[in-house]
Amino acid sequence: MLAAERRDHLLGLLAREGKIVAKDVAAGLGISEDSVRRDLRDLAAEGLCQRVYGGALPVSPAVAGYAARQAVAPDGKRKVASVAAGLVRPGGALILDGGTTALAVARALPQDLACTVITHSPTVAAALLDHPQAELFLLGGRIFKHSAVACGAAAVEAAQNVSADLCLLGVTGVHPEAGLTTADSEEAAMKRALSERAADTYILASSEKLGTASRFRVLPWEKVSGLITDAARDDPVVEQINAIGVEVLTAG
């Protein structure tokens, strides 16, 4: 099989199966695992897959810059935000992540809701300025412009001094096996720090993120209370996540 044919085969397998296991592909094609790994390196270099131990997973489409991501799945994000906003109780304290889905959550919160919102996102904080009964705490640090959030040691330290009832966290990749991932190591560390300060953590994930992975793990499934998505209840990835005991709130 020519290199171009192997490439098409791997991309087709990734689309159908949602993952590539290098040893299985090598056995099926009668080639060495080294050849498969070289092909996967080439695909990863083009941004067409995310390499993991033993093979590859679909790459998340949510790794573009902040401005570009605002145009990705806006309806799905609004649906997710509507369900997420309903989890915030009057008088409660919420840790709200940054990113475009979190911004949609901020906009979905009732304007008369009395609550405390803790965030490391200047854009989220600004979106809540016209909520007169929402008390805002903005965590500072180095601004990671890709997601318009504060990250780094100062931001993590600030996060360790707050607590909340609920954390609503965004990620770029949601996969039954790989867990919850994002593309930047410092952002992943910040998300973990935020999650650790809340009684419950729910993941915000519009459907295009399901079944995909990014390079850095944020949290394993056992560390979260549930997932909020606009994917259908019978979506194969939703069913797999349900099967491992994670609550999935669908926003159909």
C-alpha atoms as a PDB file:
ATOM      1  CA  MET A   1       0.000   0.000   0.000  1.00  0.00           C
ATOM      2  CA  LEU A   2       1.350   3.400  -1.000  1.00  0.00           C
ATOM      3  CA  ALA A   3       1.884   6.144   1.572  1.00  0.00           C
ATOM      4  CA  ALA A   4      -1.047   8.168   0.199  1.00  0.00           C
ATOM      5  CA  GLU A   5      -3.308   5.116   0.439  1.00  0.00           C
ATOM      6  CA  ARG A   6      -2.198   4.471   4.021  1.00  0.00           C
ATOM      7  CA  ARG A   7      -2.943   8.098   4.856  1.00  0.00           C
ATOM      8  CA  ASP A   8      -6.474   7.816   3.471  1.00  0.00           C
ATOM      9  CA  HIS A   9      -6.954   4.528   5.310  1.00  0.00           C
ATOM     10  CA  LEU A  10      -5.860   6.056   8.636  1.00  0.00           C
ATOM     11  CA  LEU A  11      -8.068   9.120   8.238  1.00  0.00           C
ATOM     12  CA  GLY A  12     -11.022   6.911   7.337  1.00  0.00           C
ATOM     13  CA  LEU A  13     -10.386   4.701  10.352  1.00  0.00           C
ATOM     14  CA  LEU A  14     -10.188   7.743  12.610  1.00  0.00           C
ATOM     15  CA  ALA A  15     -13.510   9.017  11.261  1.00  0.00           C
ATOM     16  CA  ARG A  16     -15.270   5.647  11.607  1.00  0.00           C
ATOM     17  CA  GLU A  17     -13.806   4.317  14.841  1.00  0.00           C
ATOM     18  CA  GLY A  18     -12.852   7.485  16.684  1.00  0.00           C
ATOM     19  CA  LYS A  19      -9.360   6.181  17.360  1.00  0.00           C
ATOM     20  CA  ILE A  20      -6.367   4.448  15.789  1.00  0.00           C
ATOM     21  CA  VAL A  21      -4.527   1.597  17.501  1.00  0.00           C
ATOM     22  CA  ALA A  22      -1.141   1.371  15.782  1.00  0.00           C
ATOM     23  CA  LYS A  23      -0.519  -2.338  16.387  1.00  0.00           C
ATOM     24  CA  ASP A  24      -3.950  -3.272  15.009  1.00  0.00           C
ATOM     25  CA  VAL A  25      -3.444  -1.170  11.882  1.00  0.00           C
ATOM     26  CA  ALA A  26       0.027  -2.656  11.360  1.00  0.00           C
ATOM     27  CA  ALA A  27      -1.323  -6.202  11.666  1.00  0.00           C
ATOM     28  CA  GLY A  28      -4.247  -5.458   9.355  1.00  0.00           C
ATOM     29  CA  LEU A  29      -2.081  -3.922   6.650  1.00  0.00           C
ATOM     30  CA  GLY A  30       0.870  -6.281   7.063  1.00  0.00           C
ATOM     31  CA  ILE A  31       3.330  -3.453   7.774  1.00  0.00           C
ATOM     32  CA  SER A  32       5.495  -2.514  10.745  1.00  0.00           C
ATOM     33  CA  GLU A  33       4.255  -0.449  13.669  1.00  0.00           C
ATOM     34  CA  ASP A  34       7.116   1.958  12.943  1.00  0.00           C
ATOM     35  CA  SER A  35       5.568   2.682   9.541  1.00  0.00           C
ATOM     36  CA  VAL A  36       2.204   3.392  11.132  1.00  0.00           C
ATOM     37  CA  ARG A  37       3.799   5.644  13.749  1.00  0.00           C
ATOM     38  CA  ARG A  38       5.602   7.598  11.008  1.00  0.00           C
ATOM     39  CA  ASP A  39       2.313   8.071   9.189  1.00  0.00           C
ATOM     40  CA  LEU A  40       0.676   9.269  12.407  1.00  0.00           C
ATOM     41  CA  ARG A  41       3.509  11.722  13.038  1.00  0.00           C
ATOM     42  CA  ASP A  42       2.935  13.180   9.588  1.00  0.00           C
ATOM     43  CA  LEU A  43      -0.819  13.468  10.161  1.00  0.00           C
ATOM     44  CA  ALA A  44      -0.283  15.046  13.568  1.00  0.00           C
ATOM     45  CA  ALA A  45       2.115  17.584  12.058  1.00  0.00           C
ATOM     46  CA  GLU A  46      -0.713  18.628   9.731  1.00  0.00           C
ATOM     47  CA  GLY A  47      -3.121  18.923  12.649  1.00  0.00           C
ATOM     48  CA  LEU A  48      -5.217  15.962  11.465  1.00  0.00           C
ATOM     49  CA  CYS A  49      -4.918  13.786  14.576  1.00  0.00           C
ATOM     50  CA  GLN A  50      -3.737  13.849  18.168  1.00  0.00           C
ATOM     51  CA  ARG A  51      -1.096  11.230  18.845  1.00  0.00           C
ATOM     52  CA  VAL A  52      -1.468   9.264  22.071  1.00  0.00           C
ATOM     53  CA  TYR A  53       0.276   6.242  23.510  1.00  0.00           C
ATOM     54  CA  GLY A  54      -0.305   3.339  21.130  1.00  0.00           C
ATOM     55  CA  GLY A  55      -1.976   5.315  18.358  1.00  0.00           C
ATOM     56  CA  ALA A  56      -4.026   8.455  17.762  1.00  0.00           C
ATOM     57  CA  LEU A  57      -7.351  10.179  18.486  1.00  0.00           C
ATOM     58  CA  PRO A  58      -9.328  12.808  16.579  1.00  0.00           C
ATOM     59  CA  VAL A  59      -7.921  16.276  17.132  1.00  0.00           C
ATOM     60  CA  SER A  60     -10.154  18.871  18.770  1.00  0.00           C
ATOM     61  CA  PRO A  61     -11.468  21.653  16.502  1.00  0.00           C
ATOM     62  CA  ALA A  62     -11.526  23.976  19.537  1.00  0.00           C
ATOM     63  CA  VAL A  63      -7.849  24.912  19.429  1.00  0.00           C
ATOM     64  CA  ALA A  64      -8.164  27.979  17.206  1.00  0.00           C
ATOM     65  CA  GLY A  65      -7.664  31.461  18.632  1.00  0.00           C
ATOM     66  CA  TYR A  66     -10.266  33.069  20.869  1.00  0.00           C
ATOM     67  CA  ALA A  67     -11.769  35.277  18.166  1.00  0.00           C
ATOM     68  CA  ALA A  68     -12.066  32.398  15.692  1.00  0.00           C
ATOM     69  CA  ARG A  69     -13.647  30.110  18.302  1.00  0.00           C
ATOM     70  CA  GLN A  70     -16.511  32.529  18.823  1.00  0.00           C
ATOM     71  CA  ALA A  71     -17.803  31.495  15.396  1.00  0.00           C
ATOM     72  CA  VAL A  72     -17.568  27.744  16.158  1.00  0.00           C
ATOM     73  CA  ALA A  73     -20.888  26.084  17.110  1.00  0.00           C
ATOM     74  CA  PRO A  74     -22.494  29.214  18.626  1.00  0.00           C
ATOM     75  CA  ASP A  75     -25.936  27.556  18.837  1.00  0.00           C
ATOM     76  CA  GLY A  76     -24.508  24.537  20.639  1.00  0.00           C
ATOM     77  CA  LYS A  77     -22.666  26.755  23.101  1.00  0.00           C
ATOM     78  CA  ARG A  78     -25.835  28.715  23.842  1.00  0.00           C
ATOM     79  CA  LYS A  79     -27.731  25.476  24.528  1.00  0.00           C
ATOM     80  CA  VAL A  80     -24.996  24.225  26.841  1.00  0.00           C
ATOM     81  CA  ALA A  81     -24.881  27.620  28.565  1.00  0.00           C
ATOM     82  CA  SER A  82     -28.626  27.591  29.196  1.00  0.00           C
ATOM     83  CA  VAL A  83     -28.444  24.253  31.034  1.00  0.00           C
ATOM     84  CA  ALA A  84     -25.291  25.266  32.917  1.00  0.00           C
ATOM     85  CA  ALA A  85     -26.820  28.557  34.085  1.00  0.00           C
ATOM     86  CA  GLY A  86     -29.698  26.584  35.581  1.00  0.00           C
ATOM     87  CA  LEU A  87     -27.264  24.858  37.975  1.00  0.00           C
ATOM     88  CA  VAL A  88     -26.344  28.144  39.660  1.00  0.00           C
ATOM     89  CA  ARG A  89     -28.453  28.631  42.780  1.00  0.00           C
ATOM     90  CA  PRO A  90     -29.453  31.985  44.304  1.00  0.00           C
ATOM     91  CA  GLY A  91     -26.933  32.913  46.970  1.00  0.00           C
ATOM     92  CA  GLY A  92     -24.441  30.366  45.682  1.00  0.00           C
ATOM     93  CA  ALA A  93     -20.809  30.765  44.712  1.00  0.00           C
ATOM     94  CA  LEU A  94     -19.721  29.833  41.193  1.00  0.00           C
ATOM     95  CA  ILE A  95     -16.241  29.400  39.733  1.00  0.00           C
ATOM     96  CA  LEU A  96     -16.652  30.133  36.044  1.00  0.00           C
ATOM     97  CA  ASP A  97     -13.874  29.238  33.624  1.00  0.00           C
ATOM     98  CA  GLY A  98     -12.907  31.349  30.624  1.00  0.00           C
ATOM     99  CA  GLY A  99     -13.423  30.691  26.925  1.00  0.00           C
ATOM    100  CA  THR A 100     -16.318  31.132  24.560  1.00  0.00           C
ATOM    101  CA  THR A 101     -18.702  28.635  26.191  1.00  0.00           C
ATOM    102  CA  ALA A 102     -18.089  30.118  29.633  1.00  0.00           C
ATOM    103  CA  LEU A 103     -18.790  33.550  28.196  1.00  0.00           C
ATOM    104  CA  ALA A 104     -22.110  32.205  26.901  1.00  0.00           C
ATOM    105  CA  VAL A 105     -22.860  30.963  30.444  1.00  0.00           C
ATOM    106  CA  ALA A 106     -22.197  34.429  31.862  1.00  0.00           C
ATOM    107  CA  ARG A 107     -24.623  35.909  29.370  1.00  0.00           C
ATOM    108  CA  ALA A 108     -27.209  33.232  30.199  1.00  0.00           C
ATOM    109  CA  LEU A 109     -27.256  33.928  33.946  1.00  0.00           C
ATOM    110  CA  PRO A 110     -30.436  35.748  35.006  1.00  0.00           C
ATOM    111  CA  GLN A 111     -29.695  39.444  35.376  1.00  0.00           C
ATOM    112  CA  ASP A 112     -31.335  39.576  38.801  1.00  0.00           C
ATOM    113  CA  LEU A 113     -29.531  36.493  40.178  1.00  0.00           C
ATOM    114  CA  ALA A 114     -27.853  37.124  43.536  1.00  0.00           C
ATOM    115  CA  CYS A 115     -24.679  35.060  43.553  1.00  0.00           C
ATOM    116  CA  THR A 116     -20.896  35.217  43.720  1.00  0.00           C
ATOM    117  CA  VAL A 117     -18.940  34.572  40.532  1.00  0.00           C
ATOM    118  CA  ILE A 118     -15.205  33.832  40.726  1.00  0.00           C
ATOM    119  CA  THR A 119     -13.391  33.837  37.402  1.00  0.00           C
ATOM    120  CA  HIS A 120      -9.938  34.258  35.887  1.00  0.00           C
ATOM    121  CA  SER A 121     -11.439  35.588  32.664  1.00  0.00           C
ATOM    122  CA  PRO A 122     -11.622  39.371  32.120  1.00  0.00           C
ATOM    123  CA  THR A 123     -14.194  38.854  29.353  1.00  0.00           C
ATOM    124  CA  VAL A 124     -16.464  36.814  31.643  1.00  0.00           C
ATOM    125  CA  ALA A 125     -16.143  39.408  34.399  1.00  0.00           C
ATOM    126  CA  ALA A 126     -16.979  42.212  31.958  1.00  0.00           C
ATOM    127  CA  ALA A 127     -20.059  40.324  30.753  1.00  0.00           C
ATOM    128  CA  LEU A 128     -21.400  40.297  34.313  1.00  0.00           C
ATOM    129  CA  LEU A 129     -20.913  43.996  35.075  1.00  0.00           C
ATOM    130  CA  ASP A 130     -24.574  44.682  34.318  1.00  0.00           C
ATOM    131  CA  HIS A 131     -25.748  41.986  36.774  1.00  0.00           C
ATOM    132  CA  PRO A 132     -26.351  44.192  39.828  1.00  0.00           C
ATOM    133  CA  GLN A 133     -26.686  41.382  42.371  1.00  0.00           C
ATOM    134  CA  ALA A 134     -23.737  39.299  41.181  1.00  0.00           C
ATOM    135  CA  GLU A 135     -20.610  39.827  43.265  1.00  0.00           C
ATOM    136  CA  LEU A 136     -17.516  39.418  41.099  1.00  0.00           C
ATOM    137  CA  PHE A 137     -14.054  38.182  42.063  1.00  0.00           C
ATOM    138  CA  LEU A 138     -11.459  38.359  39.275  1.00  0.00           C
ATOM    139  CA  LEU A 139      -8.374  36.183  39.742  1.00  0.00           C
ATOM    140  CA  GLY A 140      -5.260  37.781  38.282  1.00  0.00           C
ATOM    141  CA  GLY A 141      -2.069  36.589  36.667  1.00  0.00           C
ATOM    142  CA  ARG A 142      -0.399  36.403  33.272  1.00  0.00           C
ATOM    143  CA  ILE A 143      -3.021  36.646  30.542  1.00  0.00           C
ATOM    144  CA  PHE A 144      -3.042  33.723  28.143  1.00  0.00           C
ATOM    145  CA  LYS A 145      -4.404  35.526  25.106  1.00  0.00           C
ATOM    146  CA  HIS A 146      -5.440  32.375  23.256  1.00  0.00           C
ATOM    147  CA  SER A 147      -8.296  31.892  25.729  1.00  0.00           C
ATOM    148  CA  ALA A 148      -8.387  35.391  27.296  1.00  0.00           C
ATOM    149  CA  VAL A 149      -7.737  34.035  30.797  1.00  0.00           C
ATOM    150  CA  ALA A 150      -5.166  34.445  33.558  1.00  0.00           C
ATOM    151  CA  CYS A 151      -2.756  31.535  33.940  1.00  0.00           C
ATOM    152  CA  GLY A 152       0.591  30.820  35.536  1.00  0.00           C
ATOM    153  CA  ALA A 153       1.843  30.619  39.100  1.00  0.00           C
ATOM    154  CA  ALA A 154       0.190  33.829  40.322  1.00  0.00           C
ATOM    155  CA  ALA A 155      -3.217  32.801  39.002  1.00  0.00           C
ATOM    156  CA  VAL A 156      -2.969  29.282  40.444  1.00  0.00           C
ATOM    157  CA  GLU A 157      -1.973  30.715  43.829  1.00  0.00           C
ATOM    158  CA  ALA A 158      -4.941  33.094  43.744  1.00  0.00           C
ATOM    159  CA  ALA A 159      -7.263  30.200  42.944  1.00  0.00           C
ATOM    160  CA  GLN A 160      -6.086  28.307  46.015  1.00  0.00           C
ATOM    161  CA  ASN A 161      -7.572  31.002  48.260  1.00  0.00           C
ATOM    162  CA  VAL A 162     -11.182  30.766  47.066  1.00  0.00           C
ATOM    163  CA  SER A 163     -13.949  28.189  47.342  1.00  0.00           C
ATOM    164  CA  ALA A 164     -17.307  27.671  45.670  1.00  0.00           C
ATOM    165  CA  ASP A 165     -20.313  25.392  45.418  1.00  0.00           C
ATOM    166  CA  LEU A 166     -19.937  24.847  41.690  1.00  0.00           C
ATOM    167  CA  CYS A 167     -17.234  25.041  39.029  1.00  0.00           C
ATOM    168  CA  LEU A 168     -18.189  25.227  35.355  1.00  0.00           C
ATOM    169  CA  LEU A 169     -15.141  24.277  33.351  1.00  0.00           C
ATOM    170  CA  GLY A 170     -14.429  24.350  29.621  1.00  0.00           C
ATOM    171  CA  VAL A 171     -12.064  21.975  27.809  1.00  0.00           C
ATOM    172  CA  THR A 172     -11.115  21.437  24.179  1.00  0.00           C
ATOM    173  CA  GLY A 173     -11.222  17.639  24.149  1.00  0.00           C
ATOM    174  CA  VAL A 174     -13.767  15.230  25.663  1.00  0.00           C
ATOM    175  CA  HIS A 175     -12.967  11.557  25.190  1.00  0.00           C
ATOM    176  CA  PRO A 176     -14.171   8.460  27.092  1.00  0.00           C
ATOM    177  CA  GLU A 177     -10.632   7.068  27.332  1.00  0.00           C
ATOM    178  CA  ALA A 178      -8.370  10.133  27.202  1.00  0.00           C
ATOM    179  CA  GLY A 179     -10.526  12.102  29.616  1.00  0.00           C
ATOM    180  CA  LEU A 180     -10.734  15.892  29.541  1.00  0.00           C
ATOM    181  CA  THR A 181      -7.945  17.711  27.743  1.00  0.00           C
ATOM    182  CA  THR A 182      -6.756  21.086  26.517  1.00  0.00           C
ATOM    183  CA  ALA A 183      -3.937  22.320  24.299  1.00  0.00           C
ATOM    184  CA  ASP A 184      -1.830  24.329  26.783  1.00  0.00           C
ATOM    185  CA  SER A 185      -0.098  22.943  29.876  1.00  0.00           C
ATOM    186  CA  GLU A 186      -0.433  26.082  32.016  1.00  0.00           C
ATOM    187  CA  GLU A 187      -4.109  26.430  31.131  1.00  0.00           C
ATOM    188  CA  ALA A 188      -4.636  22.780  32.090  1.00  0.00           C
ATOM    189  CA  ALA A 189      -2.973  23.426  35.462  1.00  0.00           C
ATOM    190  CA  MET A 190      -5.175  26.464  36.048  1.00  0.00           C
ATOM    191  CA  LYS A 191      -8.314  24.498  35.266  1.00  0.00           C
ATOM    192  CA  ARG A 192      -7.281  21.813  37.763  1.00  0.00           C
ATOM    193  CA  ALA A 193      -6.673  24.473  40.404  1.00  0.00           C
ATOM    194  CA  LEU A 194     -10.134  25.938  39.832  1.00  0.00           C
ATOM    195  CA  SER A 195     -11.852  22.555  39.932  1.00  0.00           C
ATOM    196  CA  GLU A 196     -10.171  21.646  43.222  1.00  0.00           C
ATOM    197  CA  ARG A 197     -11.802  24.647  44.902  1.00  0.00           C
ATOM    198  CA  ALA A 198     -15.418  23.683  44.176  1.00  0.00           C
ATOM    199  CA  ALA A 199     -17.734  21.094  45.664  1.00  0.00           C
ATOM    200  CA  ASP A 200     -18.927  20.046  42.192  1.00  0.00           C
ATOM    201  CA  THR A 201     -17.369  20.448  38.746  1.00  0.00           C
ATOM    202  CA  TYR A 202     -19.361  20.224  35.538  1.00  0.00           C
ATOM    203  CA  ILE A 203     -17.701  20.233  32.140  1.00  0.00           C
ATOM    204  CA  LEU A 204     -19.039  22.505  29.378  1.00  0.00           C
ATOM    205  CA  ALA A 205     -18.704  20.800  25.999  1.00  0.00           C
ATOM    206  CA  SER A 206     -20.588  21.544  22.803  1.00  0.00           C
ATOM    207  CA  SER A 207     -20.884  18.495  20.570  1.00  0.00           C
ATOM    208  CA  GLU A 208     -17.928  19.192  18.257  1.00  0.00           C
ATOM    209  CA  LYS A 209     -15.561  18.514  21.187  1.00  0.00           C
ATOM    210  CA  LEU A 210     -16.893  15.027  21.925  1.00  0.00           C
ATOM    211  CA  GLY A 211     -14.662  12.147  20.942  1.00  0.00           C
ATOM    212  CA  THR A 212     -11.620  14.417  20.455  1.00  0.00           C
ATOM    213  CA  ALA A 213      -8.429  15.015  22.396  1.00  0.00           C
ATOM    214  CA  SER A 214      -5.775  17.659  22.925  1.00  0.00           C
ATOM    215  CA  ARG A 215      -2.248  17.272  24.239  1.00  0.00           C
ATOM    216  CA  PHE A 216      -2.609  18.029  27.968  1.00  0.00           C
ATOM    217  CA  ARG A 217      -4.978  16.308  30.357  1.00  0.00           C
ATOM    218  CA  VAL A 218      -7.053  18.556  32.594  1.00  0.00           C
ATOM    219  CA  LEU A 219      -8.927  15.983  34.667  1.00  0.00           C
ATOM    220  CA  PRO A 220      -9.834  12.299  34.643  1.00  0.00           C
ATOM    221  CA  TRP A 221     -13.533  11.456  34.625  1.00  0.00           C
ATOM    222  CA  GLU A 222     -13.624  10.469  38.288  1.00  0.00           C
ATOM    223  CA  LYS A 223     -12.792  14.056  39.270  1.00  0.00           C
ATOM    224  CA  VAL A 224     -15.911  15.629  37.736  1.00  0.00           C
ATOM    225  CA  SER A 225     -19.575  15.584  38.726  1.00  0.00           C
ATOM    226  CA  GLY A 226     -20.918  15.630  35.190  1.00  0.00           C
ATOM    227  CA  LEU A 227     -20.824  16.786  31.586  1.00  0.00           C
ATOM    228  CA  ILE A 228     -23.110  19.329  29.910  1.00  0.00           C
ATOM    229  CA  THR A 229     -23.430  18.975  26.137  1.00  0.00           C
ATOM    230  CA  ASP A 230     -25.804  19.648  23.279  1.00  0.00           C
ATOM    231  CA  ALA A 231     -25.096  16.227  21.752  1.00  0.00           C
ATOM    232  CA  ALA A 232     -28.005  13.783  21.549  1.00  0.00           C
ATOM    233  CA  ARG A 233     -28.537  11.244  24.327  1.00  0.00           C
ATOM    234  CA  ASP A 234     -27.922   8.419  21.856  1.00  0.00           C
ATOM    235  CA  ASP A 235     -24.643   9.886  20.591  1.00  0.00           C
ATOM    236  CA  PRO A 236     -22.072   7.040  20.836  1.00  0.00           C
ATOM    237  CA  VAL A 237     -19.631   9.143  22.855  1.00  0.00           C
ATOM    238  CA  VAL A 238     -22.392  10.264  25.242  1.00  0.00           C
ATOM    239  CA  GLU A 239     -23.373   6.625  25.735  1.00  0.00           C
ATOM    240  CA  GLN A 240     -19.764   5.645  26.474  1.00  0.00           C
ATOM    241  CA  ILE A 241     -19.411   8.463  29.011  1.00  0.00           C
ATOM    242  CA  ASN A 242     -22.677   7.436  30.661  1.00  0.00           C
ATOM    243  CA  ALA A 243     -21.415   3.864  30.801  1.00  0.00           C
ATOM    244  CA  ILE A 244     -18.394   4.854  32.900  1.00  0.00           C
ATOM    245  CA  GLY A 245     -20.720   6.400  35.479  1.00  0.00           C
ATOM    246  CA  VAL A 246     -20.567  10.092  34.569  1.00  0.00           C
ATOM    247  CA  GLU A 247     -23.788  12.118  34.649  1.00  0.00           C
ATOM    248  CA  VAL A 248     -24.490  13.718  31.269  1.00  0.00           C
ATOM    249  CA  LEU A 249     -26.872  16.650  31.043  1.00  0.00           C
ATOM    250  CA  THR A 250     -28.015  17.045  27.448  1.00  0.00           C
ATOM    251  CA  ALA A 251     -29.215  20.346  26.051  1.00  0.00           C
ATOM    252  CA  GLY A 252     -31.222  19.124  23.081  1.00  0.00           C
END
